[in-house]
Amino acid sequence: MKSVLNVDGMSCMHCVNAIKNSVGALDGINTVDVDLEAKTVTVEYDEAKTPLERIKEEIEEQGYDVV
């Protein structure tokens, strides 16, 4: 499954790496692509292993807002 999330609060490469590392560590995540300019996070994942709500929670736990 592939989802594109709009995320506020990202401003630099530290933000990109924080999201990539934390979301990428979840079970069933195939790819995480962060676009600072567009303020989006694109995730390819196995929904049976990690539901979208869990991915959103992980991003919010890093201090960003999923809108």
C-alpha atoms as a PDB file:
ATOM      1  CA  MET A   1       0.000   0.000   0.000  1.00  0.00           C
ATOM      2  CA  LYS A   2       1.166   3.555  -0.692  1.00  0.00           C
ATOM      3  CA  SER A   3       0.024   6.677   1.180  1.00  0.00           C
ATOM      4  CA  VAL A   4       0.971  10.333   0.899  1.00  0.00           C
ATOM      5  CA  LEU A   5       0.660  12.299   4.143  1.00  0.00           C
ATOM      6  CA  ASN A   6       0.718  16.083   4.492  1.00  0.00           C
ATOM      7  CA  VAL A   7       3.034  16.945   7.381  1.00  0.00           C
ATOM      8  CA  ASP A   8       3.576  20.359   8.995  1.00  0.00           C
ATOM      9  CA  GLY A   9       6.601  21.341  11.044  1.00  0.00           C
ATOM     10  CA  MET A  10       9.387  19.941   8.852  1.00  0.00           C
ATOM     11  CA  SER A  11      12.084  22.487   8.046  1.00  0.00           C
ATOM     12  CA  CYS A  12      15.472  20.824   7.542  1.00  0.00           C
ATOM     13  CA  MET A  13      17.399  17.629   6.875  1.00  0.00           C
ATOM     14  CA  HIS A  14      17.244  16.759  10.577  1.00  0.00           C
ATOM     15  CA  CYS A  15      13.446  16.632  10.221  1.00  0.00           C
ATOM     16  CA  VAL A  16      13.738  14.454   7.119  1.00  0.00           C
ATOM     17  CA  ASN A  17      16.113  12.024   8.829  1.00  0.00           C
ATOM     18  CA  ALA A  18      14.052  11.885  12.037  1.00  0.00           C
ATOM     19  CA  ILE A  19      10.937  10.869  10.103  1.00  0.00           C
ATOM     20  CA  LYS A  20      12.751   8.467   7.760  1.00  0.00           C
ATOM     21  CA  ASN A  21      14.483   6.707  10.647  1.00  0.00           C
ATOM     22  CA  SER A  22      11.507   6.451  12.980  1.00  0.00           C
ATOM     23  CA  VAL A  23       8.905   5.455  10.383  1.00  0.00           C
ATOM     24  CA  GLY A  24      11.402   3.235   8.559  1.00  0.00           C
ATOM     25  CA  ALA A  25      11.971   1.269  11.775  1.00  0.00           C
ATOM     26  CA  LEU A  26       8.322   0.209  11.949  1.00  0.00           C
ATOM     27  CA  ASP A  27       7.466  -3.335  10.866  1.00  0.00           C
ATOM     28  CA  GLY A  28       6.313  -3.684   7.261  1.00  0.00           C
ATOM     29  CA  ILE A  29       7.635  -0.342   5.975  1.00  0.00           C
ATOM     30  CA  ASN A  30       9.147  -0.650   2.489  1.00  0.00           C
ATOM     31  CA  THR A  31      10.055   2.968   1.654  1.00  0.00           C
ATOM     32  CA  VAL A  32       9.765   6.405   3.248  1.00  0.00           C
ATOM     33  CA  ASP A  33      10.194   9.499   1.069  1.00  0.00           C
ATOM     34  CA  VAL A  34      10.110  12.950   2.672  1.00  0.00           C
ATOM     35  CA  ASP A  35       9.607  16.045   0.499  1.00  0.00           C
ATOM     36  CA  LEU A  36      10.381  19.180   2.526  1.00  0.00           C
ATOM     37  CA  GLU A  37       9.204  21.582  -0.176  1.00  0.00           C
ATOM     38  CA  ALA A  38       5.841  19.880  -0.674  1.00  0.00           C
ATOM     39  CA  LYS A  39       5.557  19.077   3.063  1.00  0.00           C
ATOM     40  CA  THR A  40       4.687  15.469   2.298  1.00  0.00           C
ATOM     41  CA  VAL A  41       5.755  12.045   3.501  1.00  0.00           C
ATOM     42  CA  THR A  42       5.156   9.191   1.062  1.00  0.00           C
ATOM     43  CA  VAL A  43       5.176   5.733   2.625  1.00  0.00           C
ATOM     44  CA  GLU A  44       4.983   2.325   0.968  1.00  0.00           C
ATOM     45  CA  TYR A  45       4.022  -0.274   3.539  1.00  0.00           C
ATOM     46  CA  ASP A  46       2.281  -3.533   4.384  1.00  0.00           C
ATOM     47  CA  GLU A  47      -0.954  -2.477   6.043  1.00  0.00           C
ATOM     48  CA  ALA A  48      -1.330  -5.909   7.646  1.00  0.00           C
ATOM     49  CA  LYS A  49       1.870  -5.288   9.630  1.00  0.00           C
ATOM     50  CA  THR A  50       1.557  -1.537  10.276  1.00  0.00           C
ATOM     51  CA  PRO A  51      -1.725   0.338   9.777  1.00  0.00           C
ATOM     52  CA  LEU A  52      -1.688   3.923   8.500  1.00  0.00           C
ATOM     53  CA  GLU A  53      -2.821   5.231  11.901  1.00  0.00           C
ATOM     54  CA  ARG A  54       0.362   3.825  13.481  1.00  0.00           C
ATOM     55  CA  ILE A  55       2.515   5.587  10.871  1.00  0.00           C
ATOM     56  CA  LYS A  56       0.727   8.874  11.594  1.00  0.00           C
ATOM     57  CA  GLU A  57       1.260   8.358  15.340  1.00  0.00           C
ATOM     58  CA  GLU A  58       4.970   7.759  14.792  1.00  0.00           C
ATOM     59  CA  ILE A  59       5.340  10.999  12.820  1.00  0.00           C
ATOM     60  CA  GLU A  60       3.456  12.915  15.514  1.00  0.00           C
ATOM     61  CA  GLU A  61       5.629  11.338  18.239  1.00  0.00           C
ATOM     62  CA  GLN A  62       8.620  12.889  16.450  1.00  0.00           C
ATOM     63  CA  GLY A  63       7.018  16.320  16.941  1.00  0.00           C
ATOM     64  CA  TYR A  64       5.367  16.918  13.552  1.00  0.00           C
ATOM     65  CA  ASP A  65       1.715  17.421  12.665  1.00  0.00           C
ATOM     66  CA  VAL A  66      -0.046  15.144  10.190  1.00  0.00           C
ATOM     67  CA  VAL A  67      -2.753  17.294   8.591  1.00  0.00           C
END
